[in-house]
Amino acid sequence: MEKEHAVVLFDGVCNFCNSRVNFMIRNDKKDHFRFTPLQSEAGQKILKQAGLPADHDARLRSEEHTSEL
């Protein structure tokens, strides 16, 4: 069975956001998180599936195909 991962969308042009993602990657000992910038093709697809606008700038956490604001 494939392991479930939480998807973290972040602002890919924000230096603070990038540093937080790097921190999370370094400290994700259980390999739970996956990351994609809001501006990427994957990020835009997730926003669309969640019914959110393409220019949405809030952080989203997605687990098991559901999204929470």
C-alpha atoms as a PDB file:
ATOM      1  CA  MET A   1       0.000   0.000   0.000  1.00  0.00           C
ATOM      2  CA  GLU A   2       1.301   3.453  -0.937  1.00  0.00           C
ATOM      3  CA  LYS A   3       1.988   5.903   1.876  1.00  0.00           C
ATOM      4  CA  GLU A   4      -0.306   8.949   2.115  1.00  0.00           C
ATOM      5  CA  HIS A   5       1.387  12.360   2.049  1.00  0.00           C
ATOM      6  CA  ALA A   6       0.153  15.799   3.058  1.00  0.00           C
ATOM      7  CA  VAL A   7       0.610  18.334   0.269  1.00  0.00           C
ATOM      8  CA  VAL A   8       1.772  21.817   1.209  1.00  0.00           C
ATOM      9  CA  LEU A   9       1.192  24.593  -1.316  1.00  0.00           C
ATOM     10  CA  PHE A  10       3.376  27.661  -0.868  1.00  0.00           C
ATOM     11  CA  ASP A  11       4.233  30.923  -2.591  1.00  0.00           C
ATOM     12  CA  GLY A  12       7.254  30.019  -4.687  1.00  0.00           C
ATOM     13  CA  VAL A  13       8.448  33.630  -5.012  1.00  0.00           C
ATOM     14  CA  CYS A  14       8.358  34.323  -1.263  1.00  0.00           C
ATOM     15  CA  ASN A  15      11.796  33.960   0.353  1.00  0.00           C
ATOM     16  CA  PHE A  16      10.240  33.437   3.791  1.00  0.00           C
ATOM     17  CA  CYS A  17       7.951  30.724   2.417  1.00  0.00           C
ATOM     18  CA  ASN A  18      10.887  28.986   0.739  1.00  0.00           C
ATOM     19  CA  SER A  19      12.885  29.048   3.981  1.00  0.00           C
ATOM     20  CA  ARG A  20       9.926  27.536   5.889  1.00  0.00           C
ATOM     21  CA  VAL A  21       9.612  24.791   3.275  1.00  0.00           C
ATOM     22  CA  ASN A  22      13.347  24.044   3.571  1.00  0.00           C
ATOM     23  CA  PHE A  23      12.961  23.883   7.365  1.00  0.00           C
ATOM     24  CA  MET A  24      10.025  21.491   7.044  1.00  0.00           C
ATOM     25  CA  ILE A  25      11.912  19.264   4.592  1.00  0.00           C
ATOM     26  CA  ARG A  26      14.918  19.055   6.925  1.00  0.00           C
ATOM     27  CA  ASN A  27      12.695  18.182   9.884  1.00  0.00           C
ATOM     28  CA  ASP A  28      10.218  15.850   8.182  1.00  0.00           C
ATOM     29  CA  LYS A  29      11.762  12.679   9.612  1.00  0.00           C
ATOM     30  CA  LYS A  30       8.702  10.580   8.740  1.00  0.00           C
ATOM     31  CA  ASP A  31       8.638  11.760   5.094  1.00  0.00           C
ATOM     32  CA  HIS A  32       5.029  12.930   5.500  1.00  0.00           C
ATOM     33  CA  PHE A  33       4.991  16.155   3.465  1.00  0.00           C
ATOM     34  CA  ARG A  34       5.173  16.936  -0.232  1.00  0.00           C
ATOM     35  CA  PHE A  35       5.558  20.513  -1.465  1.00  0.00           C
ATOM     36  CA  THR A  36       4.563  22.407  -4.573  1.00  0.00           C
ATOM     37  CA  PRO A  37       4.539  26.136  -5.325  1.00  0.00           C
ATOM     38  CA  LEU A  38       1.155  27.758  -5.913  1.00  0.00           C
ATOM     39  CA  GLN A  39       2.530  29.007  -9.232  1.00  0.00           C
ATOM     40  CA  SER A  40       3.422  25.525 -10.532  1.00  0.00           C
ATOM     41  CA  GLU A  41       1.270  23.399 -12.809  1.00  0.00           C
ATOM     42  CA  ALA A  42       0.636  20.957  -9.931  1.00  0.00           C
ATOM     43  CA  GLY A  43      -0.216  23.820  -7.554  1.00  0.00           C
ATOM     44  CA  GLN A  44      -2.670  25.317 -10.038  1.00  0.00           C
ATOM     45  CA  LYS A  45      -4.298  21.906 -10.548  1.00  0.00           C
ATOM     46  CA  ILE A  46      -4.797  21.489  -6.773  1.00  0.00           C
ATOM     47  CA  LEU A  47      -6.269  24.999  -6.497  1.00  0.00           C
ATOM     48  CA  LYS A  48      -8.682  24.240  -9.335  1.00  0.00           C
ATOM     49  CA  GLN A  49      -9.734  20.927  -7.742  1.00  0.00           C
ATOM     50  CA  ALA A  50     -10.382  22.792  -4.465  1.00  0.00           C
ATOM     51  CA  GLY A  51     -12.510  25.364  -6.311  1.00  0.00           C
ATOM     52  CA  LEU A  52     -10.108  28.202  -5.498  1.00  0.00           C
ATOM     53  CA  PRO A  53      -8.952  30.967  -7.863  1.00  0.00           C
ATOM     54  CA  ALA A  54      -5.629  30.589  -9.669  1.00  0.00           C
ATOM     55  CA  ASP A  55      -4.268  33.671  -7.881  1.00  0.00           C
ATOM     56  CA  HIS A  56      -5.175  32.345  -4.414  1.00  0.00           C
ATOM     57  CA  ASP A  57      -2.437  33.220  -1.937  1.00  0.00           C
ATOM     58  CA  ALA A  58      -3.490  31.465   1.281  1.00  0.00           C
ATOM     59  CA  ARG A  59      -1.647  28.428   2.533  1.00  0.00           C
ATOM     60  CA  LEU A  60      -3.436  25.136   1.964  1.00  0.00           C
ATOM     61  CA  ARG A  61      -2.927  21.769   3.540  1.00  0.00           C
ATOM     62  CA  SER A  62      -4.239  18.820   1.572  1.00  0.00           C
ATOM     63  CA  GLU A  63      -4.535  15.311   2.935  1.00  0.00           C
ATOM     64  CA  GLU A  64      -6.229  12.392   1.264  1.00  0.00           C
ATOM     65  CA  HIS A  65      -7.633  14.538  -1.553  1.00  0.00           C
ATOM     66  CA  THR A  66      -9.271  17.109   0.746  1.00  0.00           C
ATOM     67  CA  SER A  67      -8.221  20.705   1.266  1.00  0.00           C
ATOM     68  CA  GLU A  68      -8.413  22.867   4.339  1.00  0.00           C
ATOM     69  CA  LEU A  69      -7.946  26.625   4.371  1.00  0.00           C
END
